[in-house]
Amino acid sequence: MKEIKYEEAVKQLEDIVKQLENGELDLDDMSSELKKAQQLIKICKDRLTKTDEEIKKILENK
């Protein structure tokens, strides 16, 4: 998956959830969208972890 911004990853996750809630996905689409969601969640978690570490470093240096 190409590099995307955190906000875009969250938006894509929200879109997937809406499709699931509305029953808009057939079984094949659901499988591929859930795999995509897993990748997006990992991107978000990694980005949040990196940001948290950067903030901690900044606070430690004050």
PDB file of N, CA and C in Angstrom:
ATOM      1  N   MET A   1       0.857  -1.186   0.000  1.00  0.00           N
ATOM      2  CA  MET A   1       0.000   0.000   0.000  1.00  0.00           C
ATOM      3  C   MET A   1       0.893   1.236   0.000  1.00  0.00           C
ATOM      4  N   LYS A   2       0.579   2.160  -0.890  1.00  0.00           N
ATOM      5  CA  LYS A   2       1.405   3.362  -0.984  1.00  0.00           C
ATOM      6  C   LYS A   2       1.276   4.201   0.285  1.00  0.00           C
ATOM      7  N   GLU A   3       2.244   5.077   0.465  1.00  0.00           N
ATOM      8  CA  GLU A   3       2.258   5.956   1.641  1.00  0.00           C
ATOM      9  C   GLU A   3       1.068   6.911   1.578  1.00  0.00           C
ATOM     10  N   ILE A   4       0.240   6.883   2.619  1.00  0.00           N
ATOM     11  CA  ILE A   4      -0.895   7.796   2.677  1.00  0.00           C
ATOM     12  C   ILE A   4      -0.886   8.505   4.017  1.00  0.00           C
ATOM     13  N   LYS A   5      -1.552   9.635   4.064  1.00  0.00           N
ATOM     14  CA  LYS A   5      -1.634  10.401   5.303  1.00  0.00           C
ATOM     15  C   LYS A   5      -2.561   9.696   6.282  1.00  0.00           C
ATOM     16  N   TYR A   6      -2.333   9.956   7.549  1.00  0.00           N
ATOM     17  CA  TYR A   6      -3.154   9.375   8.617  1.00  0.00           C
ATOM     18  C   TYR A   6      -4.629   9.680   8.393  1.00  0.00           C
ATOM     19  N   GLU A   7      -4.935  10.925   8.085  1.00  0.00           N
ATOM     20  CA  GLU A   7      -6.323  11.337   7.911  1.00  0.00           C
ATOM     21  C   GLU A   7      -6.995  10.582   6.766  1.00  0.00           C
ATOM     22  N   GLU A   8      -6.245  10.344   5.694  1.00  0.00           N
ATOM     23  CA  GLU A   8      -6.791   9.600   4.562  1.00  0.00           C
ATOM     24  C   GLU A   8      -7.037   8.136   4.943  1.00  0.00           C
ATOM     25  N   ALA A   9      -6.126   7.558   5.706  1.00  0.00           N
ATOM     26  CA  ALA A   9      -6.302   6.173   6.154  1.00  0.00           C
ATOM     27  C   ALA A   9      -7.558   6.056   7.015  1.00  0.00           C
ATOM     28  N   VAL A  10      -7.762   7.007   7.916  1.00  0.00           N
ATOM     29  CA  VAL A  10      -8.949   6.993   8.774  1.00  0.00           C
ATOM     30  C   VAL A  10     -10.213   7.140   7.922  1.00  0.00           C
ATOM     31  N   LYS A  11     -10.176   8.033   6.938  1.00  0.00           N
ATOM     32  CA  LYS A  11     -11.341   8.232   6.072  1.00  0.00           C
ATOM     33  C   LYS A  11     -11.672   6.946   5.320  1.00  0.00           C
ATOM     34  N   GLN A  12     -10.661   6.267   4.799  1.00  0.00           N
ATOM     35  CA  GLN A  12     -10.893   5.022   4.079  1.00  0.00           C
ATOM     36  C   GLN A  12     -11.468   3.957   5.015  1.00  0.00           C
ATOM     37  N   LEU A  13     -10.970   3.906   6.245  1.00  0.00           N
ATOM     38  CA  LEU A  13     -11.516   2.962   7.227  1.00  0.00           C
ATOM     39  C   LEU A  13     -12.988   3.266   7.514  1.00  0.00           C
ATOM     40  N   GLU A  14     -13.310   4.539   7.674  1.00  0.00           N
ATOM     41  CA  GLU A  14     -14.704   4.935   7.917  1.00  0.00           C
ATOM     42  C   GLU A  14     -15.596   4.530   6.750  1.00  0.00           C
ATOM     43  N   ASP A  15     -15.093   4.685   5.528  1.00  0.00           N
ATOM     44  CA  ASP A  15     -15.868   4.297   4.344  1.00  0.00           C
ATOM     45  C   ASP A  15     -16.122   2.785   4.329  1.00  0.00           C
ATOM     46  N   ILE A  16     -15.115   2.004   4.685  1.00  0.00           N
ATOM     47  CA  ILE A  16     -15.261   0.551   4.725  1.00  0.00           C
ATOM     48  C   ILE A  16     -16.305   0.157   5.770  1.00  0.00           C
ATOM     49  N   VAL A  17     -16.238   0.789   6.939  1.00  0.00           N
ATOM     50  CA  VAL A  17     -17.204   0.494   8.002  1.00  0.00           C
ATOM     51  C   VAL A  17     -18.623   0.818   7.538  1.00  0.00           C
ATOM     52  N   LYS A  18     -18.801   1.965   6.874  1.00  0.00           N
ATOM     53  CA  LYS A  18     -20.125   2.340   6.373  1.00  0.00           C
ATOM     54  C   LYS A  18     -20.650   1.307   5.381  1.00  0.00           C
ATOM     55  N   GLN A  19     -19.774   0.840   4.488  1.00  0.00           N
ATOM     56  CA  GLN A  19     -20.185  -0.164   3.509  1.00  0.00           C
ATOM     57  C   GLN A  19     -20.591  -1.465   4.201  1.00  0.00           C
ATOM     58  N   LEU A  20     -19.834  -1.845   5.217  1.00  0.00           N
ATOM     59  CA  LEU A  20     -20.172  -3.059   5.960  1.00  0.00           C
ATOM     60  C   LEU A  20     -21.510  -2.900   6.678  1.00  0.00           C
ATOM     61  N   GLU A  21     -21.693  -1.762   7.327  1.00  0.00           N
ATOM     62  CA  GLU A  21     -22.927  -1.517   8.082  1.00  0.00           C
ATOM     63  C   GLU A  21     -24.157  -1.480   7.162  1.00  0.00           C
ATOM     64  N   ASN A  22     -23.975  -0.968   5.949  1.00  0.00           N
ATOM     65  CA  ASN A  22     -25.092  -0.831   5.018  1.00  0.00           C
ATOM     66  C   ASN A  22     -25.305  -2.073   4.156  1.00  0.00           C
ATOM     67  N   GLY A  23     -24.476  -3.102   4.365  1.00  0.00           N
ATOM     68  CA  GLY A  23     -24.612  -4.331   3.582  1.00  0.00           C
ATOM     69  C   GLY A  23     -24.304  -4.143   2.112  1.00  0.00           C
ATOM     70  N   GLU A  24     -23.410  -3.210   1.806  1.00  0.00           N
ATOM     71  CA  GLU A  24     -23.103  -2.889   0.407  1.00  0.00           C
ATOM     72  C   GLU A  24     -22.046  -3.806  -0.207  1.00  0.00           C
ATOM     73  N   LEU A  25     -21.451  -4.676   0.585  1.00  0.00           N
ATOM     74  CA  LEU A  25     -20.358  -5.512   0.086  1.00  0.00           C
ATOM     75  C   LEU A  25     -20.805  -6.964  -0.029  1.00  0.00           C
ATOM     76  N   ASP A  26     -20.508  -7.580  -1.185  1.00  0.00           N
ATOM     77  CA  ASP A  26     -20.739  -9.015  -1.267  1.00  0.00           C
ATOM     78  C   ASP A  26     -19.549  -9.723  -0.620  1.00  0.00           C
ATOM     79  N   LEU A  27     -19.602 -11.020  -0.531  1.00  0.00           N
ATOM     80  CA  LEU A  27     -18.593 -11.782   0.212  1.00  0.00           C
ATOM     81  C   LEU A  27     -17.179 -11.552  -0.320  1.00  0.00           C
ATOM     82  N   ASP A  28     -17.018 -11.551  -1.641  1.00  0.00           N
ATOM     83  CA  ASP A  28     -15.685 -11.349  -2.227  1.00  0.00           C
ATOM     84  C   ASP A  28     -15.160  -9.951  -1.930  1.00  0.00           C
ATOM     85  N   ASP A  29     -16.012  -8.949  -2.096  1.00  0.00           N
ATOM     86  CA  ASP A  29     -15.608  -7.574  -1.812  1.00  0.00           C
ATOM     87  C   ASP A  29     -15.312  -7.397  -0.328  1.00  0.00           C
ATOM     88  N   MET A  30     -16.119  -8.041   0.512  1.00  0.00           N
ATOM     89  CA  MET A  30     -15.930  -7.920   1.957  1.00  0.00           C
ATOM     90  C   MET A  30     -14.555  -8.432   2.360  1.00  0.00           C
ATOM     91  N   SER A  31     -14.149  -9.544   1.801  1.00  0.00           N
ATOM     92  CA  SER A  31     -12.842 -10.118   2.114  1.00  0.00           C
ATOM     93  C   SER A  31     -11.717  -9.162   1.735  1.00  0.00           C
ATOM     94  N   SER A  32     -11.776  -8.602   0.539  1.00  0.00           N
ATOM     95  CA  SER A  32     -10.704  -7.698   0.104  1.00  0.00           C
ATOM     96  C   SER A  32     -10.727  -6.396   0.895  1.00  0.00           C
ATOM     97  N   GLU A  33     -11.922  -5.896   1.220  1.00  0.00           N
ATOM     98  CA  GLU A  33     -12.017  -4.663   1.999  1.00  0.00           C
ATOM     99  C   GLU A  33     -11.516  -4.870   3.434  1.00  0.00           C
ATOM    100  N   LEU A  34     -11.766  -6.033   3.999  1.00  0.00           N
ATOM    101  CA  LEU A  34     -11.265  -6.309   5.355  1.00  0.00           C
ATOM    102  C   LEU A  34      -9.740  -6.408   5.367  1.00  0.00           C
ATOM    103  N   LYS A  35      -9.161  -6.976   4.310  1.00  0.00           N
ATOM    104  CA  LYS A  35      -7.697  -7.017   4.207  1.00  0.00           C
ATOM    105  C   LYS A  35      -7.136  -5.600   4.096  1.00  0.00           C
ATOM    106  N   LYS A  36      -7.804  -4.781   3.298  1.00  0.00           N
ATOM    107  CA  LYS A  36      -7.393  -3.382   3.153  1.00  0.00           C
ATOM    108  C   LYS A  36      -7.511  -2.672   4.500  1.00  0.00           C
ATOM    109  N   ALA A  37      -8.596  -2.933   5.229  1.00  0.00           N
ATOM    110  CA  ALA A  37      -8.796  -2.314   6.538  1.00  0.00           C
ATOM    111  C   ALA A  37      -7.676  -2.693   7.497  1.00  0.00           C
ATOM    112  N   GLN A  38      -7.240  -3.950   7.456  1.00  0.00           N
ATOM    113  CA  GLN A  38      -6.135  -4.377   8.320  1.00  0.00           C
ATOM    114  C   GLN A  38      -4.872  -3.564   8.022  1.00  0.00           C
ATOM    115  N   GLN A  39      -4.590  -3.347   6.753  1.00  0.00           N
ATOM    116  CA  GLN A  39      -3.417  -2.560   6.372  1.00  0.00           C
ATOM    117  C   GLN A  39      -3.565  -1.114   6.845  1.00  0.00           C
ATOM    118  N   LEU A  40      -4.756  -0.566   6.685  1.00  0.00           N
ATOM    119  CA  LEU A  40      -4.998   0.820   7.101  1.00  0.00           C
ATOM    120  C   LEU A  40      -4.859   0.970   8.617  1.00  0.00           C
ATOM    121  N   ILE A  41      -5.368   0.001   9.364  1.00  0.00           N
ATOM    122  CA  ILE A  41      -5.251   0.036  10.824  1.00  0.00           C
ATOM    123  C   ILE A  41      -3.786  -0.005  11.223  1.00  0.00           C
ATOM    124  N   LYS A  42      -2.994  -0.829  10.554  1.00  0.00           N
ATOM    125  CA  LYS A  42      -1.557  -0.909  10.863  1.00  0.00           C
ATOM    126  C   LYS A  42      -0.885   0.435  10.576  1.00  0.00           C
ATOM    127  N   ILE A  43      -1.221   1.058   9.465  1.00  0.00           N
ATOM    128  CA  ILE A  43      -0.658   2.369   9.126  1.00  0.00           C
ATOM    129  C   ILE A  43      -0.985   3.367  10.228  1.00  0.00           C
ATOM    130  N   CYS A  44      -2.248   3.394  10.672  1.00  0.00           N
ATOM    131  CA  CYS A  44      -2.668   4.335  11.712  1.00  0.00           C
ATOM    132  C   CYS A  44      -1.948   4.062  13.030  1.00  0.00           C
ATOM    133  N   LYS A  45      -1.881   2.796  13.430  1.00  0.00           N
ATOM    134  CA  LYS A  45      -1.214   2.451  14.686  1.00  0.00           C
ATOM    135  C   LYS A  45       0.265   2.827  14.640  1.00  0.00           C
ATOM    136  N   ASP A  46       0.924   2.519  13.522  1.00  0.00           N
ATOM    137  CA  ASP A  46       2.348   2.848  13.387  1.00  0.00           C
ATOM    138  C   ASP A  46       2.564   4.360  13.451  1.00  0.00           C
ATOM    139  N   ARG A  47       1.706   5.109  12.776  1.00  0.00           N
ATOM    140  CA  ARG A  47       1.826   6.561  12.755  1.00  0.00           C
ATOM    141  C   ARG A  47       1.612   7.139  14.156  1.00  0.00           C
ATOM    142  N   LEU A  48       0.609   6.622  14.877  1.00  0.00           N
ATOM    143  CA  LEU A  48       0.340   7.100  16.243  1.00  0.00           C
ATOM    144  C   LEU A  48       1.490   6.756  17.185  1.00  0.00           C
ATOM    145  N   THR A  49       2.038   5.559  17.049  1.00  0.00           N
ATOM    146  CA  THR A  49       3.166   5.154  17.886  1.00  0.00           C
ATOM    147  C   THR A  49       4.370   6.047  17.626  1.00  0.00           C
ATOM    148  N   LYS A  50       4.649   6.310  16.346  1.00  0.00           N
ATOM    149  CA  LYS A  50       5.788   7.165  15.984  1.00  0.00           C
ATOM    150  C   LYS A  50       5.594   8.574  16.540  1.00  0.00           C
ATOM    151  N   THR A  51       4.403   9.115  16.402  1.00  0.00           N
ATOM    152  CA  THR A  51       4.115  10.455  16.902  1.00  0.00           C
ATOM    153  C   THR A  51       4.243  10.505  18.419  1.00  0.00           C
ATOM    154  N   ASP A  52       3.735   9.481  19.104  1.00  0.00           N
ATOM    155  CA  ASP A  52       3.835   9.408  20.559  1.00  0.00           C
ATOM    156  C   ASP A  52       5.300   9.403  20.999  1.00  0.00           C
ATOM    157  N   GLU A  53       6.130   8.627  20.320  1.00  0.00           N
ATOM    158  CA  GLU A  53       7.559   8.573  20.651  1.00  0.00           C
ATOM    159  C   GLU A  53       8.223   9.930  20.428  1.00  0.00           C
ATOM    160  N   GLU A  54       7.864  10.602  19.340  1.00  0.00           N
ATOM    161  CA  GLU A  54       8.445  11.916  19.052  1.00  0.00           C
ATOM    162  C   GLU A  54       8.049  12.929  20.123  1.00  0.00           C
ATOM    163  N   ILE A  55       6.793  12.883  20.551  1.00  0.00           N
ATOM    164  CA  ILE A  55       6.330  13.803  21.600  1.00  0.00           C
ATOM    165  C   ILE A  55       7.065  13.535  22.911  1.00  0.00           C
ATOM    166  N   LYS A  56       7.241  12.271  23.257  1.00  0.00           N
ATOM    167  CA  LYS A  56       7.960  11.922  24.481  1.00  0.00           C
ATOM    168  C   LYS A  56       9.389  12.441  24.450  1.00  0.00           C
ATOM    169  N   LYS A  57      10.055  12.317  23.297  1.00  0.00           N
ATOM    170  CA  LYS A  57      11.428  12.816  23.154  1.00  0.00           C
ATOM    171  C   LYS A  57      11.473  14.328  23.358  1.00  0.00           C
ATOM    172  N   ILE A  58      10.515  15.015  22.754  1.00  0.00           N
ATOM    173  CA  ILE A  58      10.467  16.469  22.879  1.00  0.00           C
ATOM    174  C   ILE A  58      10.284  16.869  24.341  1.00  0.00           C
ATOM    175  N   LEU A  59       9.359  16.187  25.024  1.00  0.00           N
ATOM    176  CA  LEU A  59       9.080  16.509  26.419  1.00  0.00           C
ATOM    177  C   LEU A  59      10.264  16.185  27.328  1.00  0.00           C
ATOM    178  N   GLU A  60      11.005  15.124  26.998  1.00  0.00           N
ATOM    179  CA  GLU A  60      12.172  14.756  27.807  1.00  0.00           C
ATOM    180  C   GLU A  60      13.291  15.776  27.670  1.00  0.00           C
ATOM    181  N   ASN A  61      13.381  16.424  26.547  1.00  0.00           N
ATOM    182  CA  ASN A  61      14.451  17.383  26.294  1.00  0.00           C
ATOM    183  C   ASN A  61      14.171  18.760  26.844  1.00  0.00           C
ATOM    184  N   LYS A  62      13.014  18.968  27.423  1.00  0.00           N
ATOM    185  CA  LYS A  62      12.679  20.286  27.976  1.00  0.00           C
ATOM    186  C   LYS A  62      13.199  20.425  29.369  1.00  0.00           C
TER     187      LYS A  62
END
